[in-house]
PDB file of N, CA and C in Angstrom:
ATOM      1  N   MET A   1     -35.699 -24.985  -7.811  1.00  0.00           N
ATOM      2  CA  MET A   1     -34.383 -25.571  -7.975  1.00  0.00           C
ATOM      3  C   MET A   1     -33.504 -24.555  -8.695  1.00  0.00           C
ATOM      4  N   PRO A   2     -32.327 -24.273  -8.151  1.00  0.00           N
ATOM      5  CA  PRO A   2     -31.430 -23.309  -8.806  1.00  0.00           C
ATOM      6  C   PRO A   2     -30.967 -23.834 -10.170  1.00  0.00           C
ATOM      7  N   ASP A   3     -30.691 -22.895 -11.082  1.00  0.00           N
ATOM      8  CA  ASP A   3     -30.276 -23.252 -12.446  1.00  0.00           C
ATOM      9  C   ASP A   3     -28.927 -23.969 -12.476  1.00  0.00           C
ATOM     10  N   TRP A   4     -28.066 -23.742 -11.542  1.00  0.00           N
ATOM     11  CA  TRP A   4     -26.732 -24.337 -11.542  1.00  0.00           C
ATOM     12  C   TRP A   4     -26.713 -25.767 -11.000  1.00  0.00           C
ATOM     13  N   LEU A   5     -27.812 -26.211 -10.381  1.00  0.00           N
ATOM     14  CA  LEU A   5     -27.838 -27.515  -9.740  1.00  0.00           C
ATOM     15  C   LEU A   5     -27.866 -28.668 -10.752  1.00  0.00           C
ATOM     16  N   VAL A   6     -28.625 -28.529 -11.834  1.00  0.00           N
ATOM     17  CA  VAL A   6     -28.724 -29.602 -12.832  1.00  0.00           C
ATOM     18  C   VAL A   6     -27.374 -29.857 -13.515  1.00  0.00           C
ATOM     19  N   PRO A   7     -26.666 -28.834 -14.001  1.00  0.00           N
ATOM     20  CA  PRO A   7     -25.350 -29.112 -14.588  1.00  0.00           C
ATOM     21  C   PRO A   7     -24.369 -29.716 -13.581  1.00  0.00           C
ATOM     22  N   LEU A   8     -24.465 -29.315 -12.329  1.00  0.00           N
ATOM     23  CA  LEU A   8     -23.594 -29.865 -11.306  1.00  0.00           C
ATOM     24  C   LEU A   8     -23.870 -31.355 -11.110  1.00  0.00           C
ATOM     25  N   ILE A   9     -25.135 -31.738 -11.062  1.00  0.00           N
ATOM     26  CA  ILE A   9     -25.503 -33.145 -10.903  1.00  0.00           C
ATOM     27  C   ILE A   9     -25.035 -33.960 -12.103  1.00  0.00           C
ATOM     28  N   VAL A  10     -25.198 -33.407 -13.307  1.00  0.00           N
ATOM     29  CA  VAL A  10     -24.748 -34.097 -14.519  1.00  0.00           C
ATOM     30  C   VAL A  10     -23.229 -34.261 -14.495  1.00  0.00           C
ATOM     31  N   ALA A  11     -22.501 -33.233 -14.101  1.00  0.00           N
ATOM     32  CA  ALA A  11     -21.041 -33.310 -14.049  1.00  0.00           C
ATOM     33  C   ALA A  11     -20.590 -34.346 -13.032  1.00  0.00           C
ATOM     34  N   ILE A  12     -21.194 -34.364 -11.870  1.00  0.00           N
ATOM     35  CA  ILE A  12     -20.834 -35.346 -10.846  1.00  0.00           C
ATOM     36  C   ILE A  12     -21.153 -36.758 -11.330  1.00  0.00           C
ATOM     37  N   GLY A  13     -22.283 -36.945 -11.988  1.00  0.00           N
ATOM     38  CA  GLY A  13     -22.639 -38.260 -12.538  1.00  0.00           C
ATOM     39  C   GLY A  13     -21.651 -38.718 -13.594  1.00  0.00           C
ATOM     40  N   THR A  14     -21.229 -37.794 -14.454  1.00  0.00           N
ATOM     41  CA  THR A  14     -20.258 -38.131 -15.500  1.00  0.00           C
ATOM     42  C   THR A  14     -18.915 -38.530 -14.889  1.00  0.00           C
ATOM     43  N   ILE A  15     -18.490 -37.812 -13.894  1.00  0.00           N
ATOM     44  CA  ILE A  15     -17.231 -38.138 -13.212  1.00  0.00           C
ATOM     45  C   ILE A  15     -17.328 -39.518 -12.558  1.00  0.00           C
ATOM     46  N   CYS A  16     -18.436 -39.799 -11.899  1.00  0.00           N
ATOM     47  CA  CYS A  16     -18.609 -41.108 -11.251  1.00  0.00           C
ATOM     48  C   CYS A  16     -18.601 -42.231 -12.278  1.00  0.00           C
ATOM     49  N   LEU A  17     -19.277 -42.049 -13.404  1.00  0.00           N
ATOM     50  CA  LEU A  17     -19.284 -43.072 -14.453  1.00  0.00           C
ATOM     51  C   LEU A  17     -17.885 -43.278 -15.017  1.00  0.00           C
ATOM     52  N   GLY A  18     -17.139 -42.206 -15.190  1.00  0.00           N
ATOM     53  CA  GLY A  18     -15.767 -42.324 -15.676  1.00  0.00           C
ATOM     54  C   GLY A  18     -14.893 -43.110 -14.722  1.00  0.00           C
ATOM     55  N   ILE A  19     -15.022 -42.836 -13.448  1.00  0.00           N
ATOM     56  CA  ILE A  19     -14.240 -43.552 -12.439  1.00  0.00           C
ATOM     57  C   ILE A  19     -14.633 -45.027 -12.417  1.00  0.00           C
ATOM     58  N   LEU A  20     -15.914 -45.319 -12.488  1.00  0.00           N
ATOM     59  CA  LEU A  20     -16.362 -46.715 -12.499  1.00  0.00           C
ATOM     60  C   LEU A  20     -15.869 -47.451 -13.736  1.00  0.00           C
ATOM     61  N   THR A  21     -15.903 -46.791 -14.887  1.00  0.00           N
ATOM     62  CA  THR A  21     -15.417 -47.412 -16.122  1.00  0.00           C
ATOM     63  C   THR A  21     -13.927 -47.687 -16.027  1.00  0.00           C
ATOM     64  N   TRP A  22     -13.165 -46.722 -15.558  1.00  0.00           N
ATOM     65  CA  TRP A  22     -11.726 -46.903 -15.396  1.00  0.00           C
ATOM     66  C   TRP A  22     -11.446 -48.059 -14.440  1.00  0.00           C
ATOM     67  N   SER A  23     -12.150 -48.113 -13.338  1.00  0.00           N
ATOM     68  CA  SER A  23     -11.949 -49.162 -12.348  1.00  0.00           C
ATOM     69  C   SER A  23     -12.299 -50.531 -12.925  1.00  0.00           C
ATOM     70  N   ALA A  24     -13.367 -50.612 -13.692  1.00  0.00           N
ATOM     71  CA  ALA A  24     -13.794 -51.896 -14.262  1.00  0.00           C
ATOM     72  C   ALA A  24     -12.790 -52.417 -15.275  1.00  0.00           C
ATOM     73  N   THR A  25     -12.163 -51.540 -16.028  1.00  0.00           N
ATOM     74  CA  THR A  25     -11.206 -52.001 -17.031  1.00  0.00           C
ATOM     75  C   THR A  25      -9.842 -52.303 -16.430  1.00  0.00           C
ATOM     76  N   ARG A  26      -9.591 -51.897 -15.221  1.00  0.00           N
ATOM     77  CA  ARG A  26      -8.298 -52.119 -14.590  1.00  0.00           C
ATOM     78  C   ARG A  26      -8.312 -53.301 -13.616  1.00  0.00           C
ATOM     79  N   THR A  27      -9.413 -53.967 -13.467  1.00  0.00           N
ATOM     80  CA  THR A  27      -9.486 -55.084 -12.537  1.00  0.00           C
ATOM     81  C   THR A  27      -9.887 -56.340 -13.287  1.00  0.00           C
ATOM     82  N   GLY A  28      -9.564 -57.477 -12.719  1.00  0.00           N
ATOM     83  CA  GLY A  28      -9.971 -58.749 -13.290  1.00  0.00           C
ATOM     84  C   GLY A  28      -9.196 -59.117 -14.537  1.00  0.00           C
ATOM     85  N   ALA A  29      -9.755 -60.063 -15.282  1.00  0.00           N
ATOM     86  CA  ALA A  29      -9.095 -60.594 -16.473  1.00  0.00           C
ATOM     87  C   ALA A  29      -8.904 -59.515 -17.541  1.00  0.00           C
ATOM     88  N   MET A  30      -9.888 -58.655 -17.687  1.00  0.00           N
ATOM     89  CA  MET A  30      -9.778 -57.596 -18.698  1.00  0.00           C
ATOM     90  C   MET A  30      -8.635 -56.650 -18.366  1.00  0.00           C
ATOM     91  N   GLY A  31      -8.494 -56.327 -17.105  1.00  0.00           N
ATOM     92  CA  GLY A  31      -7.396 -55.454 -16.689  1.00  0.00           C
ATOM     93  C   GLY A  31      -6.039 -56.100 -16.891  1.00  0.00           C
ATOM     94  N   GLN A  32      -5.951 -57.407 -16.593  1.00  0.00           N
ATOM     95  CA  GLN A  32      -4.691 -58.115 -16.805  1.00  0.00           C
ATOM     96  C   GLN A  32      -4.331 -58.131 -18.277  1.00  0.00           C
ATOM     97  N   ARG A  33      -5.336 -58.381 -19.110  1.00  0.00           N
ATOM     98  CA  ARG A  33      -5.077 -58.403 -20.560  1.00  0.00           C
ATOM     99  C   ARG A  33      -4.654 -57.026 -21.048  1.00  0.00           C
ATOM    100  N   LEU A  34      -5.312 -55.994 -20.558  1.00  0.00           N
ATOM    101  CA  LEU A  34      -4.980 -54.632 -20.953  1.00  0.00           C
ATOM    102  C   LEU A  34      -3.539 -54.286 -20.551  1.00  0.00           C
ATOM    103  N   ARG A  35      -3.150 -54.635 -19.327  1.00  0.00           N
ATOM    104  CA  ARG A  35      -1.785 -54.356 -18.883  1.00  0.00           C
ATOM    105  C   ARG A  35      -0.765 -55.144 -19.695  1.00  0.00           C
ATOM    106  N   ALA A  36      -1.098 -56.408 -20.030  1.00  0.00           N
ATOM    107  CA  ALA A  36      -0.182 -57.220 -20.837  1.00  0.00           C
ATOM    108  C   ALA A  36      -0.023 -56.622 -22.232  1.00  0.00           C
ATOM    109  N   LEU A  37      -1.120 -56.155 -22.817  1.00  0.00           N
ATOM    110  CA  LEU A  37      -1.046 -55.546 -24.152  1.00  0.00           C
ATOM    111  C   LEU A  37      -0.276 -54.236 -24.121  1.00  0.00           C
ATOM    112  N   GLU A  38      -0.474 -53.439 -23.073  1.00  0.00           N
ATOM    113  CA  GLU A  38       0.277 -52.194 -22.952  1.00  0.00           C
ATOM    114  C   GLU A  38       1.773 -52.479 -22.838  1.00  0.00           C
ATOM    115  N   SER A  39       2.121 -53.514 -22.088  1.00  0.00           N
ATOM    116  CA  SER A  39       3.522 -53.888 -21.947  1.00  0.00           C
ATOM    117  C   SER A  39       4.096 -54.341 -23.289  1.00  0.00           C
ATOM    118  N   ARG A  40       3.323 -55.135 -24.011  1.00  0.00           N
ATOM    119  CA  ARG A  40       3.781 -55.631 -25.314  1.00  0.00           C
ATOM    120  C   ARG A  40       3.977 -54.480 -26.301  1.00  0.00           C
ATOM    121  N   VAL A  41       3.046 -53.554 -26.315  1.00  0.00           N
ATOM    122  CA  VAL A  41       3.174 -52.400 -27.206  1.00  0.00           C
ATOM    123  C   VAL A  41       4.419 -51.594 -26.846  1.00  0.00           C
ATOM    124  N   GLY A  42       4.690 -51.438 -25.562  1.00  0.00           N
ATOM    125  CA  GLY A  42       5.894 -50.717 -25.136  1.00  0.00           C
ATOM    126  C   GLY A  42       7.166 -51.395 -25.623  1.00  0.00           C
ATOM    127  N   ARG A  43       7.208 -52.734 -25.509  1.00  0.00           N
ATOM    128  CA  ARG A  43       8.394 -53.464 -25.991  1.00  0.00           C
ATOM    129  C   ARG A  43       8.533 -53.331 -27.499  1.00  0.00           C
ATOM    130  N   LEU A  44       7.410 -53.421 -28.213  1.00  0.00           N
ATOM    131  CA  LEU A  44       7.462 -53.305 -29.674  1.00  0.00           C
ATOM    132  C   LEU A  44       7.898 -51.907 -30.106  1.00  0.00           C
ATOM    133  N   GLU A  45       7.439 -50.895 -29.401  1.00  0.00           N
ATOM    134  CA  GLU A  45       7.848 -49.528 -29.741  1.00  0.00           C
ATOM    135  C   GLU A  45       9.340 -49.337 -29.512  1.00  0.00           C
ATOM    136  N   SER A  46       9.862 -49.877 -28.411  1.00  0.00           N
ATOM    137  CA  SER A  46      11.294 -49.691 -28.158  1.00  0.00           C
ATOM    138  C   SER A  46      12.122 -50.490 -29.157  1.00  0.00           C
ATOM    139  N   THR A  47      11.669 -51.694 -29.521  1.00  0.00           N
ATOM    140  CA  THR A  47      12.373 -52.481 -30.534  1.00  0.00           C
ATOM    141  C   THR A  47      12.338 -51.763 -31.878  1.00  0.00           C
ATOM    142  N   GLY A  48      11.195 -51.164 -32.206  1.00  0.00           N
ATOM    143  CA  GLY A  48      11.079 -50.411 -33.458  1.00  0.00           C
ATOM    144  C   GLY A  48      12.041 -49.237 -33.496  1.00  0.00           C
ATOM    145  N   ALA A  49      12.204 -48.567 -32.371  1.00  0.00           N
ATOM    146  CA  ALA A  49      13.134 -47.435 -32.313  1.00  0.00           C
ATOM    147  C   ALA A  49      14.576 -47.912 -32.497  1.00  0.00           C
ATOM    148  N   ILE A  50      14.913 -49.057 -31.883  1.00  0.00           N
ATOM    149  CA  ILE A  50      16.263 -49.614 -32.037  1.00  0.00           C
ATOM    150  C   ILE A  50      16.506 -49.972 -33.500  1.00  0.00           C
ATOM    151  N   ARG A  51      15.503 -50.570 -34.136  1.00  0.00           N
ATOM    152  CA  ARG A  51      15.647 -50.963 -35.534  1.00  0.00           C
ATOM    153  C   ARG A  51      15.803 -49.738 -36.445  1.00  0.00           C
ATOM    154  N   MET A  52      15.050 -48.691 -36.175  1.00  0.00           N
ATOM    155  CA  MET A  52      15.174 -47.482 -36.999  1.00  0.00           C
ATOM    156  C   MET A  52      16.563 -46.864 -36.840  1.00  0.00           C
ATOM    157  N   ASP A  53      17.082 -46.862 -35.634  1.00  0.00           N
ATOM    158  CA  ASP A  53      18.443 -46.350 -35.419  1.00  0.00           C
ATOM    159  C   ASP A  53      19.459 -47.179 -36.195  1.00  0.00           C
ATOM    160  N   TYR A  54      19.273 -48.503 -36.191  1.00  0.00           N
ATOM    161  CA  TYR A  54      20.201 -49.374 -36.914  1.00  0.00           C
ATOM    162  C   TYR A  54      20.090 -49.155 -38.423  1.00  0.00           C
ATOM    163  N   ILE A  55      18.886 -48.948 -38.908  1.00  0.00           N
ATOM    164  CA  ILE A  55      18.708 -48.663 -40.337  1.00  0.00           C
ATOM    165  C   ILE A  55      19.464 -47.390 -40.708  1.00  0.00           C
ATOM    166  N   GLU A  56      19.375 -46.394 -39.868  1.00  0.00           N
ATOM    167  CA  GLU A  56      20.095 -45.143 -40.135  1.00  0.00           C
ATOM    168  C   GLU A  56      21.609 -45.361 -40.098  1.00  0.00           C
ATOM    169  N   ALA A  57      22.073 -46.209 -39.168  1.00  0.00           N
ATOM    170  CA  ALA A  57      23.513 -46.508 -39.106  1.00  0.00           C
ATOM    171  C   ALA A  57      23.963 -47.235 -40.379  1.00  0.00           C
ATOM    172  N   LEU A  58      23.142 -48.165 -40.871  1.00  0.00           N
ATOM    173  CA  LEU A  58      23.473 -48.876 -42.108  1.00  0.00           C
ATOM    174  C   LEU A  58      23.504 -47.914 -43.302  1.00  0.00           C
ATOM    175  N   ARG A  59      22.505 -47.028 -43.363  1.00  0.00           N
ATOM    176  CA  ARG A  59      22.462 -46.060 -44.468  1.00  0.00           C
ATOM    177  C   ARG A  59      23.690 -45.155 -44.436  1.00  0.00           C
ATOM    178  N   LYS A  60      24.074 -44.724 -43.249  1.00  0.00           N
ATOM    179  CA  LYS A  60      25.272 -43.882 -43.127  1.00  0.00           C
ATOM    180  C   LYS A  60      26.513 -44.659 -43.564  1.00  0.00           C
ATOM    181  N   HIS A  61      26.603 -45.924 -43.163  1.00  0.00           N
ATOM    182  CA  HIS A  61      27.731 -46.778 -43.547  1.00  0.00           C
ATOM    183  C   HIS A  61      27.836 -46.864 -45.072  1.00  0.00           C
ATOM    184  N   ILE A  62      26.700 -47.064 -45.720  1.00  0.00           N
ATOM    185  CA  ILE A  62      26.668 -47.169 -47.188  1.00  0.00           C
ATOM    186  C   ILE A  62      26.986 -45.825 -47.827  1.00  0.00           C
ATOM    187  N   ASN A  63      26.354 -44.754 -47.341  1.00  0.00           N
ATOM    188  CA  ASN A  63      26.555 -43.430 -47.931  1.00  0.00           C
ATOM    189  C   ASN A  63      27.981 -42.918 -47.744  1.00  0.00           C
ATOM    190  N   ASP A  64      28.639 -43.351 -46.672  1.00  0.00           N
ATOM    191  CA  ASP A  64      30.034 -42.964 -46.458  1.00  0.00           C
ATOM    192  C   ASP A  64      30.990 -43.777 -47.328  1.00  0.00           C
ATOM    193  N   GLY A  65      30.459 -44.757 -48.064  1.00  0.00           N
ATOM    194  CA  GLY A  65      31.270 -45.560 -48.969  1.00  0.00           C
ATOM    195  C   GLY A  65      32.145 -46.577 -48.261  1.00  0.00           C
ATOM    196  N   ARG A  66      31.762 -46.976 -47.069  1.00  0.00           N
ATOM    197  CA  ARG A  66      32.555 -47.942 -46.318  1.00  0.00           C
ATOM    198  C   ARG A  66      32.334 -49.351 -46.872  1.00  0.00           C
ATOM    199  N   ASP A  67      33.356 -50.166 -46.765  1.00  0.00           N
ATOM    200  CA  ASP A  67      33.284 -51.551 -47.209  1.00  0.00           C
ATOM    201  C   ASP A  67      32.682 -52.426 -46.104  1.00  0.00           C
ATOM    202  N   PRO A  68      32.284 -53.667 -46.484  1.00  0.00           N
ATOM    203  CA  PRO A  68      31.788 -54.613 -45.472  1.00  0.00           C
ATOM    204  C   PRO A  68      32.875 -54.896 -44.454  1.00  0.00           C
ATOM    205  N   PRO A  69      32.569 -55.323 -43.289  1.00  0.00           N
ATOM    206  CA  PRO A  69      31.253 -55.677 -42.788  1.00  0.00           C
ATOM    207  C   PRO A  69      30.487 -54.445 -42.311  1.00  0.00           C
ATOM    208  N   PRO A  70      29.156 -54.563 -42.247  1.00  0.00           N
ATOM    209  CA  PRO A  70      28.344 -53.449 -41.741  1.00  0.00           C
ATOM    210  C   PRO A  70      28.490 -53.327 -40.226  1.00  0.00           C
ATOM    211  N   PRO A  71      27.944 -52.287 -39.653  1.00  0.00           N
ATOM    212  CA  PRO A  71      27.983 -52.150 -38.192  1.00  0.00           C
ATOM    213  C   PRO A  71      27.306 -53.358 -37.535  1.00  0.00           C
ATOM    214  N   PRO A  72      27.747 -53.771 -36.361  1.00  0.00           N
ATOM    215  CA  PRO A  72      27.128 -54.931 -35.697  1.00  0.00           C
ATOM    216  C   PRO A  72      25.699 -54.612 -35.259  1.00  0.00           C
ATOM    217  N   TYR A  73      24.911 -55.679 -35.109  1.00  0.00           N
ATOM    218  CA  TYR A  73      23.543 -55.509 -34.624  1.00  0.00           C
ATOM    219  C   TYR A  73      23.562 -54.937 -33.212  1.00  0.00           C
ATOM    220  N   PRO A  74      22.687 -53.987 -32.927  1.00  0.00           N
ATOM    221  CA  PRO A  74      22.617 -53.470 -31.562  1.00  0.00           C
ATOM    222  C   PRO A  74      21.865 -54.448 -30.657  1.00  0.00           C
ATOM    223  N   LYS A  75      22.142 -54.352 -29.378  1.00  0.00           N
ATOM    224  CA  LYS A  75      21.444 -55.197 -28.412  1.00  0.00           C
ATOM    225  C   LYS A  75      19.966 -54.798 -28.393  1.00  0.00           C
ATOM    226  N   GLY A  76      19.097 -55.797 -28.416  1.00  0.00           N
ATOM    227  CA  GLY A  76      17.663 -55.546 -28.340  1.00  0.00           C
ATOM    228  C   GLY A  76      16.967 -55.461 -29.676  1.00  0.00           C
ATOM    229  N   ILE A  77      17.686 -55.660 -30.778  1.00  0.00           N
ATOM    230  CA  ILE A  77      17.052 -55.541 -32.090  1.00  0.00           C
ATOM    231  C   ILE A  77      16.166 -56.751 -32.397  1.00  0.00           C
ATOM    232  N   PHE A  78      16.539 -57.911 -31.863  1.00  0.00           N
ATOM    233  CA  PHE A  78      15.748 -59.125 -32.067  1.00  0.00           C
ATOM    234  C   PHE A  78      15.025 -59.455 -30.777  1.00  0.00           C
ATOM    235  N   LEU A  79      13.748 -59.156 -30.723  1.00  0.00           N
ATOM    236  CA  LEU A  79      12.950 -59.390 -29.530  1.00  0.00           C
ATOM    237  C   LEU A  79      12.102 -60.629 -29.757  1.00  0.00           C
ATOM    238  N   THR A  80      12.202 -61.580 -28.849  1.00  0.00           N
ATOM    239  CA  THR A  80      11.414 -62.799 -28.971  1.00  0.00           C
ATOM    240  C   THR A  80      10.063 -62.612 -28.297  1.00  0.00           C
ATOM    241  N   GLU A  81       9.217 -63.611 -28.400  1.00  0.00           N
ATOM    242  CA  GLU A  81       7.856 -63.552 -27.852  1.00  0.00           C
ATOM    243  C   GLU A  81       7.844 -63.272 -26.357  1.00  0.00           C
ATOM    244  N   ASN A  82       8.802 -63.853 -25.621  1.00  0.00           N
ATOM    245  CA  ASN A  82       8.817 -63.662 -24.169  1.00  0.00           C
ATOM    246  C   ASN A  82       9.584 -62.414 -23.734  1.00  0.00           C
ATOM    247  N   GLY A  83      10.065 -61.632 -24.686  1.00  0.00           N
ATOM    248  CA  GLY A  83      10.748 -60.387 -24.354  1.00  0.00           C
ATOM    249  C   GLY A  83      12.245 -60.508 -24.220  1.00  0.00           C
ATOM    250  N   ASN A  84      12.804 -61.701 -24.437  1.00  0.00           N
ATOM    251  CA  ASN A  84      14.247 -61.886 -24.356  1.00  0.00           C
ATOM    252  C   ASN A  84      14.850 -61.888 -25.743  1.00  0.00           C
ATOM    253  N   GLU A  85      16.154 -61.655 -25.795  1.00  0.00           N
ATOM    254  CA  GLU A  85      16.856 -61.726 -27.086  1.00  0.00           C
ATOM    255  C   GLU A  85      17.246 -63.144 -27.367  1.00  0.00           C
TER     256      GLU A  85
END
């Protein structure tokens, strides 16, 4: 048996196991849950970015010595459970 054959078989086996694992996690109830969680994390990250921008706008408003009222809330800062404002 050539010396290069064993590493090749191991590499092919590892690739096949990786593909099977990926496929198993992307199908069925587990896959649906994973996609729902990924979507939720994406919404939370974008809401967090909007909130950080608003915090910076408020800090600038204060540091510039401006009087009330503060800048208005940006759209998307309050995200509800279903993803709507």
